[in-house]
Amino acid sequence: MNDISESEKDENAFRSSERRFWGIVKQVPFGIAILRGPEFIVEAANETYLQLVDKSESVFVGRPLFNSLPEVQKSVAGLLNNVLKTGESFQVKEFPVMLKRYGKSELTYFNMTYHPLAEESV
């Protein structure tokens, strides 16, 4: 007899939902990165974001943001720290960022939103 407990069903449903969610995030036509904690560990980044910063997932995800992109620390660290500290979103259009990509440093302009994630208590 193959009985599946309610907790196993719930876990399977959660994992299926999570896969669908990440499938959608990976397909959106704008860059998304999820950063965690005061070191801004890159928890996830979609393909569009990875292309914008000229990084592969294997060298970008799971590492502190400023280890992978040290050149952006000066321009965005204060913004990210403020969002982390206050819990308030920050949104800006055509924000100048010096970014090293495709083998050279260049001034790039981004429309950005930094938004804190509210996490559910488990």
N, C-alpha and C. Protein backbone atom coordinates (compact mmCIF):
# COMPACT_ATOMS: atom_id res chain seq x y z
N MET A 1 0.84 -1.18 0.00
CA MET A 1 0.00 0.00 0.00
C MET A 1 0.89 1.25 0.00
N ASN A 2 0.58 2.21 -0.84
CA ASN A 2 1.36 3.43 -0.96
C ASN A 2 0.61 4.61 -0.36
N ASP A 3 0.62 4.72 0.94
CA ASP A 3 -0.02 5.86 1.60
C ASP A 3 0.97 7.02 1.65
N ILE A 4 0.49 8.17 1.26
CA ILE A 4 1.29 9.38 1.36
C ILE A 4 0.68 10.23 2.46
N SER A 5 1.48 10.57 3.43
CA SER A 5 0.98 11.35 4.55
C SER A 5 0.60 12.75 4.08
N GLU A 6 -0.21 13.42 4.87
CA GLU A 6 -0.61 14.79 4.56
C GLU A 6 0.61 15.70 4.47
N SER A 7 1.59 15.51 5.35
CA SER A 7 2.78 16.37 5.30
C SER A 7 3.57 16.15 4.01
N GLU A 8 3.62 14.91 3.53
CA GLU A 8 4.30 14.64 2.27
C GLU A 8 3.55 15.28 1.10
N LYS A 9 2.21 15.22 1.14
CA LYS A 9 1.41 15.87 0.10
C LYS A 9 1.64 17.38 0.11
N ASP A 10 1.65 17.95 1.31
CA ASP A 10 1.89 19.39 1.44
C ASP A 10 3.27 19.76 0.92
N GLU A 11 4.26 18.96 1.26
CA GLU A 11 5.63 19.22 0.80
C GLU A 11 5.72 19.12 -0.71
N ASN A 12 5.08 18.11 -1.30
CA ASN A 12 5.08 17.95 -2.75
C ASN A 12 4.38 19.13 -3.43
N ALA A 13 3.26 19.58 -2.87
CA ALA A 13 2.53 20.72 -3.43
C ALA A 13 3.37 21.99 -3.34
N PHE A 14 4.07 22.16 -2.21
CA PHE A 14 4.93 23.34 -2.03
C PHE A 14 6.05 23.34 -3.07
N ARG A 15 6.70 22.21 -3.22
CA ARG A 15 7.81 22.13 -4.18
C ARG A 15 7.33 22.37 -5.61
N SER A 16 6.17 21.86 -5.94
CA SER A 16 5.61 22.07 -7.27
C SER A 16 5.29 23.55 -7.48
N SER A 17 4.73 24.19 -6.49
CA SER A 17 4.42 25.61 -6.56
C SER A 17 5.69 26.44 -6.68
N GLU A 18 6.71 26.07 -5.93
CA GLU A 18 7.99 26.77 -5.98
C GLU A 18 8.62 26.66 -7.37
N ARG A 19 8.57 25.48 -7.96
CA ARG A 19 9.12 25.28 -9.32
C ARG A 19 8.37 26.15 -10.34
N ARG A 20 7.04 26.21 -10.22
CA ARG A 20 6.26 27.05 -11.13
C ARG A 20 6.63 28.52 -10.96
N PHE A 21 6.75 28.95 -9.70
CA PHE A 21 7.10 30.34 -9.43
C PHE A 21 8.44 30.69 -10.06
N TRP A 22 9.48 29.88 -9.81
CA TRP A 22 10.81 30.18 -10.36
C TRP A 22 10.81 30.07 -11.88
N GLY A 23 9.98 29.21 -12.43
CA GLY A 23 9.86 29.13 -13.89
C GLY A 23 9.35 30.44 -14.47
N ILE A 24 8.40 31.05 -13.79
CA ILE A 24 7.86 32.34 -14.23
C ILE A 24 8.91 33.43 -14.06
N VAL A 25 9.56 33.50 -12.89
CA VAL A 25 10.57 34.53 -12.63
C VAL A 25 11.69 34.47 -13.65
N LYS A 26 12.11 33.27 -14.00
CA LYS A 26 13.22 33.13 -14.95
C LYS A 26 12.85 33.62 -16.35
N GLN A 27 11.55 33.68 -16.65
CA GLN A 27 11.13 34.06 -17.99
C GLN A 27 10.79 35.54 -18.16
N VAL A 28 10.64 36.29 -17.08
CA VAL A 28 10.23 37.68 -17.22
C VAL A 28 11.31 38.47 -17.96
N PRO A 29 10.89 39.50 -18.73
CA PRO A 29 11.85 40.21 -19.57
C PRO A 29 12.59 41.36 -18.87
N PHE A 30 12.65 41.34 -17.56
CA PHE A 30 13.43 42.32 -16.83
C PHE A 30 14.21 41.60 -15.74
N GLY A 31 15.31 42.20 -15.30
CA GLY A 31 16.20 41.55 -14.36
C GLY A 31 15.63 41.49 -12.96
N ILE A 32 15.74 40.34 -12.35
CA ILE A 32 15.32 40.13 -10.96
C ILE A 32 16.45 39.39 -10.24
N ALA A 33 16.83 39.94 -9.09
CA ALA A 33 17.77 39.26 -8.21
C ALA A 33 17.21 39.33 -6.81
N ILE A 34 17.36 38.26 -6.07
CA ILE A 34 16.91 38.22 -4.68
C ILE A 34 18.16 38.16 -3.82
N LEU A 35 18.28 39.15 -2.94
CA LEU A 35 19.43 39.28 -2.06
C LEU A 35 18.98 39.03 -0.63
N ARG A 36 19.85 38.40 0.17
CA ARG A 36 19.48 38.07 1.54
C ARG A 36 20.54 38.56 2.52
N GLY A 37 20.05 39.21 3.58
CA GLY A 37 20.90 39.57 4.72
C GLY A 37 21.79 40.76 4.49
N PRO A 38 22.52 41.14 5.52
CA PRO A 38 23.36 42.34 5.46
C PRO A 38 24.56 42.23 4.53
N GLU A 39 24.91 41.03 4.12
CA GLU A 39 25.98 40.86 3.14
C GLU A 39 25.43 40.78 1.72
N PHE A 40 24.10 40.84 1.60
CA PHE A 40 23.42 40.80 0.31
C PHE A 40 23.85 39.60 -0.52
N ILE A 41 23.69 38.44 0.10
CA ILE A 41 23.97 37.18 -0.59
C ILE A 41 22.95 37.02 -1.72
N VAL A 42 23.42 36.75 -2.92
CA VAL A 42 22.53 36.55 -4.05
C VAL A 42 21.90 35.17 -3.92
N GLU A 43 20.63 35.17 -3.57
CA GLU A 43 19.91 33.91 -3.41
C GLU A 43 19.42 33.38 -4.75
N ALA A 44 19.06 34.28 -5.64
CA ALA A 44 18.59 33.87 -6.97
C ALA A 44 18.71 35.06 -7.92
N ALA A 45 18.86 34.77 -9.19
CA ALA A 45 18.87 35.80 -10.23
C ALA A 45 18.36 35.16 -11.51
N ASN A 46 17.49 35.89 -12.20
CA ASN A 46 17.00 35.33 -13.45
C ASN A 46 17.99 35.59 -14.58
N GLU A 47 17.73 34.97 -15.72
CA GLU A 47 18.66 35.05 -16.84
C GLU A 47 18.84 36.49 -17.33
N THR A 48 17.78 37.27 -17.32
CA THR A 48 17.88 38.66 -17.77
C THR A 48 18.84 39.44 -16.88
N TYR A 49 18.75 39.25 -15.57
CA TYR A 49 19.66 39.93 -14.64
C TYR A 49 21.10 39.48 -14.88
N LEU A 50 21.28 38.18 -15.03
CA LEU A 50 22.62 37.64 -15.26
C LEU A 50 23.23 38.23 -16.53
N GLN A 51 22.43 38.40 -17.56
CA GLN A 51 22.94 39.00 -18.79
C GLN A 51 23.29 40.46 -18.59
N LEU A 52 22.47 41.19 -17.81
CA LEU A 52 22.74 42.60 -17.55
C LEU A 52 24.09 42.81 -16.86
N VAL A 53 24.42 41.90 -15.95
CA VAL A 53 25.67 42.06 -15.19
C VAL A 53 26.80 41.20 -15.75
N ASP A 54 26.52 40.49 -16.84
CA ASP A 54 27.52 39.66 -17.51
C ASP A 54 28.13 38.63 -16.56
N LYS A 55 27.26 37.89 -15.86
CA LYS A 55 27.71 36.84 -14.94
C LYS A 55 26.95 35.56 -15.23
N SER A 56 27.58 34.45 -14.94
CA SER A 56 26.88 33.18 -15.02
C SER A 56 26.28 32.86 -13.65
N GLU A 57 25.24 32.09 -13.66
CA GLU A 57 24.58 31.72 -12.40
C GLU A 57 25.55 31.03 -11.45
N SER A 58 26.42 30.20 -11.98
CA SER A 58 27.34 29.42 -11.13
C SER A 58 28.35 30.29 -10.39
N VAL A 59 28.69 31.45 -10.93
CA VAL A 59 29.66 32.31 -10.24
C VAL A 59 29.00 33.48 -9.52
N PHE A 60 27.69 33.65 -9.69
CA PHE A 60 27.00 34.80 -9.11
C PHE A 60 26.09 34.42 -7.94
N VAL A 61 25.26 33.43 -8.14
CA VAL A 61 24.29 33.03 -7.11
C VAL A 61 25.01 32.31 -5.97
N GLY A 62 24.61 32.65 -4.75
CA GLY A 62 25.20 32.02 -3.56
C GLY A 62 26.36 32.80 -2.99
N ARG A 63 26.69 33.91 -3.58
CA ARG A 63 27.83 34.72 -3.14
C ARG A 63 27.36 36.13 -2.76
N PRO A 64 28.13 36.82 -1.93
CA PRO A 64 27.78 38.21 -1.63
C PRO A 64 27.81 39.06 -2.91
N LEU A 65 26.83 39.91 -3.07
CA LEU A 65 26.70 40.74 -4.27
C LEU A 65 27.99 41.49 -4.58
N PHE A 66 28.59 42.11 -3.57
CA PHE A 66 29.75 42.96 -3.82
C PHE A 66 31.05 42.18 -4.02
N ASN A 67 31.02 40.87 -3.76
CA ASN A 67 32.16 40.04 -4.16
C ASN A 67 32.15 39.84 -5.67
N SER A 68 30.94 39.69 -6.22
CA SER A 68 30.80 39.48 -7.66
C SER A 68 30.83 40.78 -8.45
N LEU A 69 30.32 41.85 -7.84
CA LEU A 69 30.24 43.14 -8.52
C LEU A 69 30.81 44.24 -7.63
N PRO A 70 32.11 44.19 -7.34
CA PRO A 70 32.69 45.18 -6.43
C PRO A 70 32.56 46.62 -6.93
N GLU A 71 32.50 46.78 -8.24
CA GLU A 71 32.43 48.12 -8.81
C GLU A 71 31.10 48.83 -8.53
N VAL A 72 30.05 48.10 -8.16
CA VAL A 72 28.75 48.74 -7.89
C VAL A 72 28.56 49.07 -6.41
N GLN A 73 29.47 48.61 -5.57
CA GLN A 73 29.30 48.80 -4.13
C GLN A 73 29.14 50.28 -3.76
N LYS A 74 29.99 51.12 -4.32
CA LYS A 74 29.95 52.54 -4.00
C LYS A 74 28.60 53.16 -4.34
N SER A 75 28.01 52.78 -5.45
CA SER A 75 26.76 53.41 -5.88
C SER A 75 25.50 52.81 -5.27
N VAL A 76 25.51 51.52 -4.90
CA VAL A 76 24.26 50.92 -4.44
C VAL A 76 24.26 50.42 -3.00
N ALA A 77 25.41 50.31 -2.36
CA ALA A 77 25.44 49.76 -0.99
C ALA A 77 24.58 50.58 -0.03
N GLY A 78 24.69 51.90 -0.10
CA GLY A 78 23.88 52.75 0.78
C GLY A 78 22.39 52.57 0.55
N LEU A 79 22.01 52.42 -0.71
CA LEU A 79 20.59 52.22 -1.04
C LEU A 79 20.09 50.89 -0.47
N LEU A 80 20.86 49.84 -0.69
CA LEU A 80 20.47 48.52 -0.19
C LEU A 80 20.43 48.49 1.34
N ASN A 81 21.43 49.10 1.97
CA ASN A 81 21.44 49.13 3.44
C ASN A 81 20.24 49.88 3.98
N ASN A 82 19.84 50.95 3.31
CA ASN A 82 18.67 51.71 3.77
C ASN A 82 17.39 50.88 3.65
N VAL A 83 17.23 50.15 2.56
CA VAL A 83 16.06 49.28 2.40
C VAL A 83 16.06 48.21 3.49
N LEU A 84 17.22 47.63 3.75
CA LEU A 84 17.33 46.60 4.79
C LEU A 84 17.00 47.17 6.16
N LYS A 85 17.50 48.36 6.44
CA LYS A 85 17.32 48.99 7.75
C LYS A 85 15.88 49.48 7.97
N THR A 86 15.31 50.15 6.97
CA THR A 86 14.00 50.78 7.14
C THR A 86 12.83 49.90 6.73
N GLY A 87 13.10 48.93 5.86
CA GLY A 87 12.01 48.10 5.35
C GLY A 87 11.19 48.83 4.30
N GLU A 88 11.69 49.98 3.81
CA GLU A 88 10.97 50.75 2.80
C GLU A 88 11.60 50.55 1.43
N SER A 89 10.76 50.46 0.42
CA SER A 89 11.23 50.28 -0.95
C SER A 89 11.95 51.52 -1.46
N PHE A 90 12.80 51.30 -2.44
CA PHE A 90 13.49 52.38 -3.14
C PHE A 90 13.31 52.13 -4.62
N GLN A 91 12.87 53.16 -5.34
CA GLN A 91 12.66 53.03 -6.78
C GLN A 91 13.25 54.25 -7.47
N VAL A 92 13.92 54.04 -8.60
CA VAL A 92 14.54 55.12 -9.32
C VAL A 92 14.62 54.75 -10.81
N LYS A 93 14.59 55.77 -11.65
CA LYS A 93 14.73 55.57 -13.09
C LYS A 93 16.05 56.16 -13.54
N GLU A 94 16.67 55.50 -14.50
CA GLU A 94 17.92 55.95 -15.12
C GLU A 94 19.00 56.27 -14.08
N PHE A 95 19.18 55.33 -13.16
CA PHE A 95 20.20 55.46 -12.11
C PHE A 95 21.55 55.07 -12.69
N PRO A 96 22.56 55.97 -12.61
CA PRO A 96 23.86 55.66 -13.19
C PRO A 96 24.67 54.69 -12.32
N VAL A 97 25.18 53.66 -12.94
CA VAL A 97 26.01 52.67 -12.25
C VAL A 97 27.19 52.35 -13.15
N MET A 98 28.39 52.44 -12.60
CA MET A 98 29.58 52.01 -13.33
C MET A 98 29.65 50.50 -13.19
N LEU A 99 29.64 49.80 -14.29
CA LEU A 99 29.56 48.35 -14.27
C LEU A 99 30.59 47.77 -15.22
N LYS A 100 31.30 46.77 -14.74
CA LYS A 100 32.26 46.08 -15.60
C LYS A 100 31.55 44.87 -16.21
N ARG A 101 31.42 44.92 -17.51
CA ARG A 101 30.80 43.80 -18.22
C ARG A 101 31.32 43.75 -19.65
N TYR A 102 31.27 42.57 -20.20
CA TYR A 102 31.76 42.34 -21.56
C TYR A 102 33.19 42.83 -21.73
N GLY A 103 33.97 42.69 -20.65
CA GLY A 103 35.39 42.99 -20.72
C GLY A 103 35.78 44.44 -20.53
N LYS A 104 34.82 45.32 -20.24
CA LYS A 104 35.18 46.72 -20.04
C LYS A 104 34.24 47.38 -19.04
N SER A 105 34.73 48.44 -18.42
CA SER A 105 33.90 49.23 -17.50
C SER A 105 33.13 50.25 -18.32
N GLU A 106 31.84 50.39 -17.97
CA GLU A 106 31.02 51.37 -18.68
C GLU A 106 29.97 51.93 -17.75
N LEU A 107 29.62 53.18 -17.97
CA LEU A 107 28.55 53.81 -17.23
C LEU A 107 27.24 53.33 -17.83
N THR A 108 26.42 52.71 -16.99
CA THR A 108 25.17 52.12 -17.43
C THR A 108 24.04 52.72 -16.61
N TYR A 109 22.89 52.89 -17.22
CA TYR A 109 21.75 53.48 -16.52
C TYR A 109 20.67 52.42 -16.35
N PHE A 110 20.18 52.32 -15.11
CA PHE A 110 19.20 51.30 -14.79
C PHE A 110 17.95 51.91 -14.17
N ASN A 111 16.81 51.34 -14.50
CA ASN A 111 15.59 51.57 -13.74
C ASN A 111 15.58 50.47 -12.69
N MET A 112 15.53 50.87 -11.41
CA MET A 112 15.68 49.88 -10.35
C MET A 112 14.59 50.03 -9.30
N THR A 113 14.24 48.91 -8.73
CA THR A 113 13.41 48.89 -7.53
C THR A 113 14.07 47.93 -6.57
N TYR A 114 14.36 48.42 -5.37
CA TYR A 114 14.81 47.56 -4.28
C TYR A 114 13.64 47.47 -3.33
N HIS A 115 13.19 46.26 -3.11
CA HIS A 115 12.00 46.06 -2.29
C HIS A 115 12.29 44.98 -1.25
N PRO A 116 12.01 45.27 0.02
CA PRO A 116 12.26 44.25 1.05
C PRO A 116 11.23 43.13 0.93
N LEU A 117 11.66 41.91 1.16
CA LEU A 117 10.75 40.78 1.14
C LEU A 117 10.26 40.52 2.56
N ALA A 118 8.96 40.43 2.69
CA ALA A 118 8.38 40.05 3.98
C ALA A 118 8.28 38.53 3.98
N GLU A 119 8.88 37.91 4.95
CA GLU A 119 8.86 36.45 5.00
C GLU A 119 7.85 35.98 6.02
N GLU A 120 7.15 34.92 5.65
CA GLU A 120 6.18 34.34 6.57
C GLU A 120 6.88 33.61 7.69
N SER A 121 6.30 33.65 8.87
CA SER A 121 6.82 32.84 9.98
C SER A 121 6.41 31.41 9.73
N VAL A 122 7.31 30.53 10.04
CA VAL A 122 7.02 29.09 9.82
C VAL A 122 6.60 28.48 11.12
